[in-house]
Amino acid sequence: MPRVSRARTLTEIRSIARSHTRTAINVLAGIMRSKDATPAARVSAANAILDRGWGKVAQPEQNGENGIELVHRIERVIVHPEEVNRDT
C-alpha cells in the first residue's frame, strides 16, 4: 500500500473543501436571511460571508489603560544592485 504524504493529503482536503464553496456560501446566506434563525446565528453567518468576501478586519492592539492604538509596521530593505545580479 503506497504511503501518501501529509502535504498531498492536506492539498486534497483543501481541494475537496473548496469544491463545496458555493454550497457553503448559499447555506450561510440562507441562515443570514432566515427569519427562523436566531439573531446570533444570522449575525454569525453574515460575518462569515463578509470575512470570506472582504477579509477579516485588522484587530487593533490594546495600549494599556489609554485605549486602543493601531500599530503598523513598514519595513524598507535596501539591496545593493551587485548583490541582486549575483543571484541571477
Protein backbone atom coordinates (compact mmCIF):
# COMPACT_ATOMS: atom_id res chain seq x y z
CA MET A 1 0.00 0.00 0.00
CA PRO A 2 1.62 3.33 -1.08
CA ARG A 3 2.23 5.94 1.59
CA VAL A 4 0.50 9.29 0.97
CA SER A 5 2.40 12.37 2.10
CA ARG A 6 0.78 14.67 4.61
CA ALA A 7 1.18 17.66 2.25
CA ARG A 8 -0.63 15.81 -0.51
CA THR A 9 -3.41 14.84 1.87
CA LEU A 10 -3.82 18.46 3.04
CA THR A 11 -3.87 19.65 -0.57
CA GLU A 12 -6.58 17.11 -1.40
CA ILE A 13 -8.63 18.12 1.65
CA ARG A 14 -8.39 21.80 0.68
CA SER A 15 -9.42 20.95 -2.86
CA ILE A 16 -12.45 18.98 -1.69
CA ALA A 17 -13.44 21.73 0.76
CA ARG A 18 -13.10 24.40 -1.93
CA SER A 19 -15.32 22.40 -4.27
CA HIS A 20 -18.14 22.99 -1.75
CA THR A 21 -17.65 26.76 -1.56
CA ARG A 22 -20.78 27.75 -3.50
CA THR A 23 -22.99 25.45 -1.41
CA ALA A 24 -21.45 26.67 1.85
CA ILE A 25 -21.97 30.32 0.91
CA ASN A 26 -25.57 29.54 -0.08
CA VAL A 27 -26.17 27.86 3.29
CA LEU A 28 -24.66 30.84 5.14
CA ALA A 29 -26.77 33.25 3.08
CA GLY A 30 -29.87 31.16 3.83
CA ILE A 31 -29.19 31.31 7.57
CA MET A 32 -28.47 35.02 7.36
CA ARG A 33 -31.82 35.66 5.64
CA SER A 34 -33.87 33.21 7.69
CA LYS A 35 -36.48 34.75 9.97
CA ASP A 36 -36.49 31.47 11.95
CA ALA A 37 -32.75 31.58 12.74
CA THR A 38 -31.65 33.18 15.99
CA PRO A 39 -30.17 36.67 15.75
CA ALA A 40 -26.81 35.23 16.85
CA ALA A 41 -26.86 32.66 14.03
CA ARG A 42 -27.81 35.33 11.50
CA VAL A 43 -25.00 37.64 12.63
CA SER A 44 -22.51 34.77 12.64
CA ALA A 45 -23.47 33.77 9.10
CA ALA A 46 -23.29 37.39 7.90
CA ASN A 47 -19.83 37.81 9.46
CA ALA A 48 -18.61 34.57 7.87
CA ILE A 49 -19.76 35.77 4.44
CA LEU A 50 -18.15 39.19 4.89
CA ASP A 51 -14.88 37.66 6.14
CA ARG A 52 -14.62 35.41 3.12
CA GLY A 53 -15.57 38.13 0.64
CA TRP A 54 -13.64 41.05 2.07
CA GLY A 55 -11.15 39.58 4.56
CA LYS A 56 -11.15 39.95 8.31
CA VAL A 57 -10.86 43.38 9.85
CA ALA A 58 -7.45 44.07 11.41
CA GLN A 59 -7.62 43.83 15.19
CA PRO A 60 -6.17 46.87 16.97
CA GLU A 61 -3.68 46.29 19.76
CA GLN A 62 -4.59 47.27 23.31
CA ASN A 63 -2.44 50.10 24.65
CA GLY A 64 -2.70 49.65 28.41
CA GLU A 65 -5.44 51.71 30.03
CA ASN A 66 -5.17 54.52 27.48
CA GLY A 67 -7.44 52.85 24.95
CA ILE A 68 -6.71 51.32 21.60
CA GLU A 69 -3.79 52.13 19.35
CA LEU A 70 -3.47 50.76 15.84
CA VAL A 71 0.11 49.71 15.09
CA HIS A 72 1.50 49.49 11.56
CA ARG A 73 4.98 48.40 10.58
CA ILE A 74 6.64 49.49 7.38
CA GLU A 75 9.99 47.97 6.62
CA ARG A 76 12.33 49.17 3.90
CA VAL A 77 15.08 46.88 2.68
CA ILE A 78 17.88 48.35 0.63
CA VAL A 79 19.78 45.90 -1.56
CA HIS A 80 22.96 46.72 -3.41
CA PRO A 81 22.43 46.12 -7.19
CA GLU A 82 25.58 44.00 -7.49
CA GLU A 83 24.23 41.61 -4.86
CA VAL A 84 20.97 41.21 -6.76
CA ASN A 85 22.78 40.47 -10.05
CA ARG A 86 24.94 37.78 -8.40
CA ASP A 87 21.88 35.69 -7.57
CA THR A 88 20.59 35.57 -11.13
